[in-house]
Amino acid sequence: MPPARKRARVYDSVRTRTAVFAQLTHVQEAVRGLGPGQFALRTRLGDWTVRELVAHIGMALTAIGRSLDLPEPPKQDAVLLDWPFATSASSPDIDAFTKRLVQEHPDLDNYLAGIARTLAEQLDTTPGTRLLQTNAGALPLADYLVTRAVELVVHTDDLNTAVPELKIPYDRQALAACTRLLADALAAKAPGGATEVRIPPYAVVQCVAGPRHTRGTPPNVVETDPLTWIRLATGRLTWPDAVDDAKVSASGERADLSALLPLMS
């Protein structure tokens, strides 16, 4: 696991909570209008259908409650930037859990509504400093909530790709948190100052070992939009395809990030 940067970005817990609920509301409204044929459509996530994808979105949020049901860890032993690198280890368990949820919750609209109510109650009564045992280690609830914003944004994009007519909007704060966490994860994976990665309007990070830029135009620059960056970081899009389709501009001998991507899957 790549080491996290010592000076981690700080997220406003109130804004993060608001963003999670806003993005969940967007998903709920979209799911409410889906018909049987749309639920049966394939997604880009292996053999999952839209129905399984929606069930998984709910599962990502109920993870907070499952962690709260466990004893509180005695101390924090992870940081937020550890989380992106810990997601792939639990993939087989997630697949099995998701498929079981599909059988248990045929009414996904009602399922998501219940999750929203329960989550609101949990967050109203639990301080953000409360430690949770997560797949990355013991993290404060406030930090873990940032990862839930990432899950919601990434899977909203998966839904929009599977059912293009949905056009589910992205909450600005949720999209910003997702973009920034994944950009910071890149900087943690490839520390250095040789390459500047720009993802306007949300993030700029320095990464990759080599001569550090000090003034003027950096010699190695990568620039892309937030959704393209998220797709690259999560393996939904390959670096060559993004460059060929002009979704990414990359200049300089250290601007090829293909060996560093994806960051999570």
C-alpha atoms as a PDB file:
ATOM      1  CA  MET A   1       0.000   0.000   0.000  1.00  0.00           C
ATOM      2  CA  PRO A   2       1.487   3.376  -0.952  1.00  0.00           C
ATOM      3  CA  PRO A   3       2.256   5.623   2.029  1.00  0.00           C
ATOM      4  CA  ALA A   4      -0.195   8.435   2.636  1.00  0.00           C
ATOM      5  CA  ARG A   5       1.073  11.987   2.543  1.00  0.00           C
ATOM      6  CA  LYS A   6       1.809  13.442   5.949  1.00  0.00           C
ATOM      7  CA  ARG A   7      -0.179  16.618   5.293  1.00  0.00           C
ATOM      8  CA  ALA A   8      -3.575  15.258   4.303  1.00  0.00           C
ATOM      9  CA  ARG A   9      -6.292  17.477   2.915  1.00  0.00           C
ATOM     10  CA  VAL A  10      -8.973  18.464   5.441  1.00  0.00           C
ATOM     11  CA  TYR A  11     -12.643  18.064   4.509  1.00  0.00           C
ATOM     12  CA  ASP A  12     -15.498  20.012   6.054  1.00  0.00           C
ATOM     13  CA  SER A  13     -17.659  17.348   7.727  1.00  0.00           C
ATOM     14  CA  VAL A  14     -20.884  19.345   7.410  1.00  0.00           C
ATOM     15  CA  ARG A  15     -20.358  19.887   3.690  1.00  0.00           C
ATOM     16  CA  THR A  16     -19.453  16.246   3.206  1.00  0.00           C
ATOM     17  CA  ARG A  17     -22.610  15.077   4.950  1.00  0.00           C
ATOM     18  CA  THR A  18     -24.712  17.467   2.874  1.00  0.00           C
ATOM     19  CA  ALA A  19     -23.018  16.241  -0.292  1.00  0.00           C
ATOM     20  CA  VAL A  20     -23.650  12.578   0.529  1.00  0.00           C
ATOM     21  CA  PHE A  21     -27.350  13.170   1.065  1.00  0.00           C
ATOM     22  CA  ALA A  22     -27.618  15.371  -2.018  1.00  0.00           C
ATOM     23  CA  GLN A  23     -26.034  12.735  -4.249  1.00  0.00           C
ATOM     24  CA  LEU A  24     -28.100   9.977  -2.681  1.00  0.00           C
ATOM     25  CA  THR A  25     -31.231  12.003  -3.423  1.00  0.00           C
ATOM     26  CA  HIS A  26     -30.213  12.305  -7.071  1.00  0.00           C
ATOM     27  CA  VAL A  27     -29.772   8.531  -7.251  1.00  0.00           C
ATOM     28  CA  GLN A  28     -33.089   7.866  -5.504  1.00  0.00           C
ATOM     29  CA  GLU A  29     -34.963  10.080  -7.951  1.00  0.00           C
ATOM     30  CA  ALA A  30     -33.383   8.277 -10.887  1.00  0.00           C
ATOM     31  CA  VAL A  31     -34.041   4.792  -9.516  1.00  0.00           C
ATOM     32  CA  ARG A  32     -37.671   5.681  -8.875  1.00  0.00           C
ATOM     33  CA  GLY A  33     -38.204   6.078 -12.613  1.00  0.00           C
ATOM     34  CA  LEU A  34     -36.488   2.886 -13.762  1.00  0.00           C
ATOM     35  CA  GLY A  35     -38.511   0.120 -15.401  1.00  0.00           C
ATOM     36  CA  PRO A  36     -37.837  -3.651 -15.392  1.00  0.00           C
ATOM     37  CA  GLY A  37     -35.975  -3.487 -18.696  1.00  0.00           C
ATOM     38  CA  GLN A  38     -33.641  -0.770 -17.430  1.00  0.00           C
ATOM     39  CA  PHE A  39     -32.954  -2.624 -14.176  1.00  0.00           C
ATOM     40  CA  ALA A  40     -31.908  -5.630 -16.282  1.00  0.00           C
ATOM     41  CA  LEU A  41     -29.383  -3.661 -18.381  1.00  0.00           C
ATOM     42  CA  ARG A  42     -25.740  -4.662 -18.069  1.00  0.00           C
ATOM     43  CA  THR A  43     -23.248  -2.307 -16.463  1.00  0.00           C
ATOM     44  CA  ARG A  44     -19.511  -1.950 -17.003  1.00  0.00           C
ATOM     45  CA  LEU A  45     -18.924  -3.719 -13.662  1.00  0.00           C
ATOM     46  CA  GLY A  46     -18.398  -7.315 -14.637  1.00  0.00           C
ATOM     47  CA  ASP A  47     -21.649  -9.271 -14.707  1.00  0.00           C
ATOM     48  CA  TRP A  48     -23.603  -6.765 -12.620  1.00  0.00           C
ATOM     49  CA  THR A  49     -26.884  -5.433 -13.920  1.00  0.00           C
ATOM     50  CA  VAL A  50     -28.306  -2.024 -13.041  1.00  0.00           C
ATOM     51  CA  ARG A  51     -30.319  -3.721 -10.291  1.00  0.00           C
ATOM     52  CA  GLU A  52     -27.151  -5.050  -8.689  1.00  0.00           C
ATOM     53  CA  LEU A  53     -25.405  -1.719  -9.084  1.00  0.00           C
ATOM     54  CA  VAL A  54     -28.219   0.086  -7.249  1.00  0.00           C
ATOM     55  CA  ALA A  55     -28.166  -2.529  -4.488  1.00  0.00           C
ATOM     56  CA  HIS A  56     -24.431  -1.987  -4.168  1.00  0.00           C
ATOM     57  CA  ILE A  57     -24.874   1.776  -3.823  1.00  0.00           C
ATOM     58  CA  GLY A  58     -27.148   1.095  -0.891  1.00  0.00           C
ATOM     59  CA  MET A  59     -24.628  -1.346   0.549  1.00  0.00           C
ATOM     60  CA  ALA A  60     -21.900   1.288   0.426  1.00  0.00           C
ATOM     61  CA  LEU A  61     -23.998   3.541   2.652  1.00  0.00           C
ATOM     62  CA  THR A  62     -25.142   0.843   5.073  1.00  0.00           C
ATOM     63  CA  ALA A  63     -21.454   0.130   5.664  1.00  0.00           C
ATOM     64  CA  ILE A  64     -21.564   3.032   8.116  1.00  0.00           C
ATOM     65  CA  GLY A  65     -24.231   1.298  10.197  1.00  0.00           C
ATOM     66  CA  ARG A  66     -22.440  -2.040  10.050  1.00  0.00           C
ATOM     67  CA  SER A  67     -19.293  -0.361  11.384  1.00  0.00           C
ATOM     68  CA  LEU A  68     -21.243   1.430  14.108  1.00  0.00           C
ATOM     69  CA  ASP A  69     -22.611  -1.920  15.264  1.00  0.00           C
ATOM     70  CA  LEU A  70     -19.051  -3.076  15.990  1.00  0.00           C
ATOM     71  CA  PRO A  71     -17.064  -2.068  19.075  1.00  0.00           C
ATOM     72  CA  GLU A  72     -15.237   1.210  18.577  1.00  0.00           C
ATOM     73  CA  PRO A  73     -11.550   0.624  17.763  1.00  0.00           C
ATOM     74  CA  PRO A  74      -9.213   1.716  20.580  1.00  0.00           C
ATOM     75  CA  LYS A  75      -7.268   4.070  18.323  1.00  0.00           C
ATOM     76  CA  GLN A  76      -7.049   5.341  14.762  1.00  0.00           C
ATOM     77  CA  ASP A  77      -4.588   3.268  12.756  1.00  0.00           C
ATOM     78  CA  ALA A  78      -5.306   4.510   9.226  1.00  0.00           C
ATOM     79  CA  VAL A  79      -5.747   7.787   7.371  1.00  0.00           C
ATOM     80  CA  LEU A  80      -8.186   8.747   4.670  1.00  0.00           C
ATOM     81  CA  LEU A  81      -5.605   8.348   1.902  1.00  0.00           C
ATOM     82  CA  ASP A  82      -5.203   4.667   2.804  1.00  0.00           C
ATOM     83  CA  TRP A  83      -8.759   3.925   1.694  1.00  0.00           C
ATOM     84  CA  PRO A  84      -8.427   4.097  -2.131  1.00  0.00           C
ATOM     85  CA  PHE A  85      -5.668   1.487  -2.028  1.00  0.00           C
ATOM     86  CA  ALA A  86      -7.646  -0.929   0.175  1.00  0.00           C
ATOM     87  CA  THR A  87     -10.776  -1.292  -1.940  1.00  0.00           C
ATOM     88  CA  SER A  88      -9.757  -4.116  -4.274  1.00  0.00           C
ATOM     89  CA  ALA A  89      -8.944  -6.580  -1.476  1.00  0.00           C
ATOM     90  CA  SER A  90     -12.617  -6.979  -0.527  1.00  0.00           C
ATOM     91  CA  SER A  91     -14.010  -7.266  -4.089  1.00  0.00           C
ATOM     92  CA  PRO A  92     -15.116 -10.966  -3.912  1.00  0.00           C
ATOM     93  CA  ASP A  93     -16.992 -10.402  -0.633  1.00  0.00           C
ATOM     94  CA  ILE A  94     -18.634  -7.271  -2.023  1.00  0.00           C
ATOM     95  CA  ASP A  95     -19.862  -9.153  -5.092  1.00  0.00           C
ATOM     96  CA  ALA A  96     -21.448 -11.907  -3.009  1.00  0.00           C
ATOM     97  CA  PHE A  97     -23.019  -9.433  -0.568  1.00  0.00           C
ATOM     98  CA  THR A  98     -24.434  -7.341  -3.407  1.00  0.00           C
ATOM     99  CA  LYS A  99     -26.077 -10.312  -5.099  1.00  0.00           C
ATOM    100  CA  ARG A 100     -27.641 -11.358  -1.824  1.00  0.00           C
ATOM    101  CA  LEU A 101     -29.062  -7.862  -1.337  1.00  0.00           C
ATOM    102  CA  VAL A 102     -30.754  -8.042  -4.751  1.00  0.00           C
ATOM    103  CA  GLN A 103     -32.669 -11.093  -3.573  1.00  0.00           C
ATOM    104  CA  GLU A 104     -33.566  -9.557  -0.216  1.00  0.00           C
ATOM    105  CA  HIS A 105     -34.682  -6.153  -1.546  1.00  0.00           C
ATOM    106  CA  PRO A 106     -36.734  -6.426  -4.741  1.00  0.00           C
ATOM    107  CA  ASP A 107     -38.149  -2.906  -4.179  1.00  0.00           C
ATOM    108  CA  LEU A 108     -34.984  -0.833  -4.549  1.00  0.00           C
ATOM    109  CA  ASP A 109     -36.789   2.492  -4.282  1.00  0.00           C
ATOM    110  CA  ASN A 110     -38.050   1.554  -0.834  1.00  0.00           C
ATOM    111  CA  TYR A 111     -34.638   0.090   0.005  1.00  0.00           C
ATOM    112  CA  LEU A 112     -32.821   3.371  -0.714  1.00  0.00           C
ATOM    113  CA  ALA A 113     -35.465   5.414   1.105  1.00  0.00           C
ATOM    114  CA  GLY A 114     -34.986   3.313   4.217  1.00  0.00           C
ATOM    115  CA  ILE A 115     -31.224   3.710   3.999  1.00  0.00           C
ATOM    116  CA  ALA A 116     -31.559   7.494   3.749  1.00  0.00           C
ATOM    117  CA  ARG A 117     -33.749   7.613   6.881  1.00  0.00           C
ATOM    118  CA  THR A 118     -31.445   5.363   8.877  1.00  0.00           C
ATOM    119  CA  LEU A 119     -28.328   7.198   7.780  1.00  0.00           C
ATOM    120  CA  ALA A 120     -29.804  10.540   8.836  1.00  0.00           C
ATOM    121  CA  GLU A 121     -30.556   9.142  12.285  1.00  0.00           C
ATOM    122  CA  GLN A 122     -27.071   7.678  12.627  1.00  0.00           C
ATOM    123  CA  LEU A 123     -25.319  10.884  11.633  1.00  0.00           C
ATOM    124  CA  ASP A 124     -27.560  12.981  13.891  1.00  0.00           C
ATOM    125  CA  THR A 125     -26.563  10.940  16.931  1.00  0.00           C
ATOM    126  CA  THR A 126     -22.922  10.039  16.207  1.00  0.00           C
ATOM    127  CA  PRO A 127     -20.016  12.500  16.439  1.00  0.00           C
ATOM    128  CA  GLY A 128     -17.681  12.740  13.474  1.00  0.00           C
ATOM    129  CA  THR A 129     -14.780  11.769  15.732  1.00  0.00           C
ATOM    130  CA  ARG A 130     -16.265   8.332  16.414  1.00  0.00           C
ATOM    131  CA  LEU A 131     -13.850   5.698  15.085  1.00  0.00           C
ATOM    132  CA  LEU A 132     -15.096   3.055  12.675  1.00  0.00           C
ATOM    133  CA  GLN A 133     -13.436  -0.188  11.689  1.00  0.00           C
ATOM    134  CA  THR A 134     -13.239  -0.014   7.882  1.00  0.00           C
ATOM    135  CA  ASN A 135     -11.565  -2.052   5.160  1.00  0.00           C
ATOM    136  CA  ALA A 136      -8.667   0.422   5.318  1.00  0.00           C
ATOM    137  CA  GLY A 137      -8.357   0.381   9.111  1.00  0.00           C
ATOM    138  CA  ALA A 138      -9.795   2.470  11.936  1.00  0.00           C
ATOM    139  CA  LEU A 139     -10.961   5.860  10.626  1.00  0.00           C
ATOM    140  CA  PRO A 140     -13.072   8.675  12.094  1.00  0.00           C
ATOM    141  CA  LEU A 141     -16.654   8.769  10.841  1.00  0.00           C
ATOM    142  CA  ALA A 142     -16.043  12.204   9.299  1.00  0.00           C
ATOM    143  CA  ASP A 143     -13.262  10.783   7.115  1.00  0.00           C
ATOM    144  CA  TYR A 144     -15.186   7.646   6.228  1.00  0.00           C
ATOM    145  CA  LEU A 145     -18.074   9.815   5.054  1.00  0.00           C
ATOM    146  CA  VAL A 146     -15.739  11.272   2.402  1.00  0.00           C
ATOM    147  CA  THR A 147     -15.262   7.757   1.040  1.00  0.00           C
ATOM    148  CA  ARG A 148     -19.048   7.370   0.829  1.00  0.00           C
ATOM    149  CA  ALA A 149     -19.174  10.510  -1.321  1.00  0.00           C
ATOM    150  CA  VAL A 150     -16.591   8.891  -3.590  1.00  0.00           C
ATOM    151  CA  GLU A 151     -18.656   5.690  -3.827  1.00  0.00           C
ATOM    152  CA  LEU A 152     -21.790   7.659  -4.705  1.00  0.00           C
ATOM    153  CA  VAL A 153     -20.110   9.740  -7.410  1.00  0.00           C
ATOM    154  CA  VAL A 154     -18.285   6.807  -9.006  1.00  0.00           C
ATOM    155  CA  HIS A 155     -21.416   4.662  -9.113  1.00  0.00           C
ATOM    156  CA  THR A 156     -23.591   7.529 -10.305  1.00  0.00           C
ATOM    157  CA  ASP A 157     -21.277   7.643 -13.301  1.00  0.00           C
ATOM    158  CA  ASP A 158     -21.674   3.872 -13.695  1.00  0.00           C
ATOM    159  CA  LEU A 159     -25.465   4.293 -13.694  1.00  0.00           C
ATOM    160  CA  ASN A 160     -25.342   7.111 -16.225  1.00  0.00           C
ATOM    161  CA  THR A 161     -23.166   4.984 -18.490  1.00  0.00           C
ATOM    162  CA  ALA A 162     -25.488   1.968 -18.236  1.00  0.00           C
ATOM    163  CA  VAL A 163     -28.671   4.017 -18.687  1.00  0.00           C
ATOM    164  CA  PRO A 164     -27.649   7.169 -20.602  1.00  0.00           C
ATOM    165  CA  GLU A 165     -31.146   8.626 -20.603  1.00  0.00           C
ATOM    166  CA  LEU A 166     -31.003   8.993 -16.810  1.00  0.00           C
ATOM    167  CA  LYS A 167     -28.536  11.903 -16.855  1.00  0.00           C
ATOM    168  CA  ILE A 168     -28.225  11.832 -13.063  1.00  0.00           C
ATOM    169  CA  PRO A 169     -26.660  15.106 -11.900  1.00  0.00           C
ATOM    170  CA  TYR A 170     -23.602  15.313  -9.667  1.00  0.00           C
ATOM    171  CA  ASP A 171     -23.648  17.298  -6.475  1.00  0.00           C
ATOM    172  CA  ARG A 172     -20.807  19.795  -6.801  1.00  0.00           C
ATOM    173  CA  GLN A 173     -19.388  19.161  -3.336  1.00  0.00           C
ATOM    174  CA  ALA A 174     -19.557  15.377  -3.761  1.00  0.00           C
ATOM    175  CA  LEU A 175     -17.810  15.603  -7.131  1.00  0.00           C
ATOM    176  CA  ALA A 176     -15.165  17.889  -5.640  1.00  0.00           C
ATOM    177  CA  ALA A 177     -14.480  15.528  -2.719  1.00  0.00           C
ATOM    178  CA  CYS A 178     -14.202  12.538  -5.043  1.00  0.00           C
ATOM    179  CA  THR A 179     -11.863  14.348  -7.426  1.00  0.00           C
ATOM    180  CA  ARG A 180      -9.630  15.644  -4.640  1.00  0.00           C
ATOM    181  CA  LEU A 181      -9.305  12.385  -2.747  1.00  0.00           C
ATOM    182  CA  LEU A 182      -8.328  10.483  -5.891  1.00  0.00           C
ATOM    183  CA  ALA A 183      -5.915  13.229  -6.936  1.00  0.00           C
ATOM    184  CA  ASP A 184      -4.284  13.143  -3.517  1.00  0.00           C
ATOM    185  CA  ALA A 185      -4.091   9.350  -3.776  1.00  0.00           C
ATOM    186  CA  LEU A 186      -2.046   9.757  -6.960  1.00  0.00           C
ATOM    187  CA  ALA A 187       0.323  12.116  -5.157  1.00  0.00           C
ATOM    188  CA  ALA A 188       0.636   9.560  -2.335  1.00  0.00           C
ATOM    189  CA  LYS A 189       1.334   6.722  -4.769  1.00  0.00           C
ATOM    190  CA  ALA A 190       3.928   8.671  -6.763  1.00  0.00           C
ATOM    191  CA  PRO A 191       5.394  11.323  -4.450  1.00  0.00           C
ATOM    192  CA  GLY A 192       7.453  14.039  -6.040  1.00  0.00           C
ATOM    193  CA  GLY A 193       7.204  17.369  -7.804  1.00  0.00           C
ATOM    194  CA  ALA A 194       8.141  16.664 -11.401  1.00  0.00           C
ATOM    195  CA  THR A 195       4.591  16.509 -12.779  1.00  0.00           C
ATOM    196  CA  GLU A 196       1.641  18.790 -12.187  1.00  0.00           C
ATOM    197  CA  VAL A 197      -1.795  17.215 -12.535  1.00  0.00           C
ATOM    198  CA  ARG A 198      -4.612  19.708 -13.026  1.00  0.00           C
ATOM    199  CA  ILE A 199      -8.264  18.760 -12.669  1.00  0.00           C
ATOM    200  CA  PRO A 200     -10.124  22.067 -12.802  1.00  0.00           C
ATOM    201  CA  PRO A 201     -11.952  23.400 -10.985  1.00  0.00           C
ATOM    202  CA  TYR A 202     -11.311  21.073  -8.046  1.00  0.00           C
ATOM    203  CA  ALA A 203      -7.718  19.909  -7.735  1.00  0.00           C
ATOM    204  CA  VAL A 204      -4.079  20.465  -8.615  1.00  0.00           C
ATOM    205  CA  VAL A 205      -1.414  18.092  -7.298  1.00  0.00           C
ATOM    206  CA  GLN A 206       2.313  17.629  -7.723  1.00  0.00           C
ATOM    207  CA  CYS A 207       3.550  14.077  -8.166  1.00  0.00           C
ATOM    208  CA  VAL A 208       6.218  11.812  -9.750  1.00  0.00           C
ATOM    209  CA  ALA A 209       9.864  11.812  -8.713  1.00  0.00           C
ATOM    210  CA  GLY A 210      12.220  14.043 -10.647  1.00  0.00           C
ATOM    211  CA  PRO A 211      13.269  17.685 -10.919  1.00  0.00           C
ATOM    212  CA  ARG A 212      10.884  19.855  -8.939  1.00  0.00           C
ATOM    213  CA  HIS A 213       9.176  22.749 -10.681  1.00  0.00           C
ATOM    214  CA  THR A 214       9.614  26.113  -8.949  1.00  0.00           C
ATOM    215  CA  ARG A 215       8.341  28.864 -11.257  1.00  0.00           C
ATOM    216  CA  GLY A 216       6.853  29.476 -14.680  1.00  0.00           C
ATOM    217  CA  THR A 217       5.165  26.769 -16.729  1.00  0.00           C
ATOM    218  CA  PRO A 218       5.857  23.269 -15.339  1.00  0.00           C
ATOM    219  CA  PRO A 219       7.788  21.020 -17.768  1.00  0.00           C
ATOM    220  CA  ASN A 220       5.384  18.117 -17.195  1.00  0.00           C
ATOM    221  CA  VAL A 221       1.667  18.864 -17.110  1.00  0.00           C
ATOM    222  CA  VAL A 222      -1.424  16.672 -17.193  1.00  0.00           C
ATOM    223  CA  GLU A 223      -4.871  18.236 -17.406  1.00  0.00           C
ATOM    224  CA  THR A 224      -8.305  16.666 -17.581  1.00  0.00           C
ATOM    225  CA  ASP A 225     -11.875  17.131 -16.362  1.00  0.00           C
ATOM    226  CA  PRO A 226     -13.213  15.641 -13.094  1.00  0.00           C
ATOM    227  CA  LEU A 227     -15.235  12.768 -14.573  1.00  0.00           C
ATOM    228  CA  THR A 228     -12.433  11.695 -16.888  1.00  0.00           C
ATOM    229  CA  TRP A 229     -10.032  11.753 -13.942  1.00  0.00           C
ATOM    230  CA  ILE A 230     -12.396   9.674 -11.805  1.00  0.00           C
ATOM    231  CA  ARG A 231     -12.787   7.125 -14.612  1.00  0.00           C
ATOM    232  CA  LEU A 232      -9.015   6.898 -15.022  1.00  0.00           C
ATOM    233  CA  ALA A 233      -8.405   6.580 -11.292  1.00  0.00           C
ATOM    234  CA  THR A 234     -10.994   3.811 -10.909  1.00  0.00           C
ATOM    235  CA  GLY A 235     -10.156   1.820 -14.026  1.00  0.00           C
ATOM    236  CA  ARG A 236     -13.257   2.770 -15.996  1.00  0.00           C
ATOM    237  CA  LEU A 237     -11.084   4.372 -18.678  1.00  0.00           C
ATOM    238  CA  THR A 238      -7.568   3.563 -19.827  1.00  0.00           C
ATOM    239  CA  TRP A 239      -4.868   6.189 -20.232  1.00  0.00           C
ATOM    240  CA  PRO A 240      -4.292   5.488 -23.973  1.00  0.00           C
ATOM    241  CA  ASP A 241      -8.015   5.768 -24.722  1.00  0.00           C
ATOM    242  CA  ALA A 242      -8.300   9.014 -22.775  1.00  0.00           C
ATOM    243  CA  VAL A 243      -5.331  10.522 -24.626  1.00  0.00           C
ATOM    244  CA  ASP A 244      -6.520   9.282 -28.026  1.00  0.00           C
ATOM    245  CA  ASP A 245      -9.980  10.747 -27.421  1.00  0.00           C
ATOM    246  CA  ALA A 246      -8.481  14.076 -26.291  1.00  0.00           C
ATOM    247  CA  LYS A 247      -9.974  13.639 -22.838  1.00  0.00           C
ATOM    248  CA  VAL A 248      -6.525  14.232 -21.353  1.00  0.00           C
ATOM    249  CA  SER A 249      -3.781  16.625 -22.376  1.00  0.00           C
ATOM    250  CA  ALA A 250      -0.295  15.513 -21.336  1.00  0.00           C
ATOM    251  CA  SER A 251       2.969  17.292 -22.091  1.00  0.00           C
ATOM    252  CA  GLY A 252       6.473  16.453 -20.942  1.00  0.00           C
ATOM    253  CA  GLU A 253       8.536  13.285 -20.617  1.00  0.00           C
ATOM    254  CA  ARG A 254       7.113  12.553 -17.147  1.00  0.00           C
ATOM    255  CA  ALA A 255       3.472  13.248 -18.052  1.00  0.00           C
ATOM    256  CA  ASP A 256       2.529   9.665 -18.931  1.00  0.00           C
ATOM    257  CA  LEU A 257       0.574   8.346 -15.922  1.00  0.00           C
ATOM    258  CA  SER A 258      -0.387   5.006 -17.442  1.00  0.00           C
ATOM    259  CA  ALA A 259       1.892   3.007 -15.123  1.00  0.00           C
ATOM    260  CA  LEU A 260       0.269   4.585 -12.060  1.00  0.00           C
ATOM    261  CA  LEU A 261      -3.362   3.986 -13.001  1.00  0.00           C
ATOM    262  CA  PRO A 262      -5.843   2.846 -11.915  1.00  0.00           C
ATOM    263  CA  LEU A 263      -5.531   3.829  -8.257  1.00  0.00           C
ATOM    264  CA  MET A 264      -8.521   1.793  -7.094  1.00  0.00           C
ATOM    265  CA  SER A 265     -10.917  -0.723  -8.583  1.00  0.00           C
END
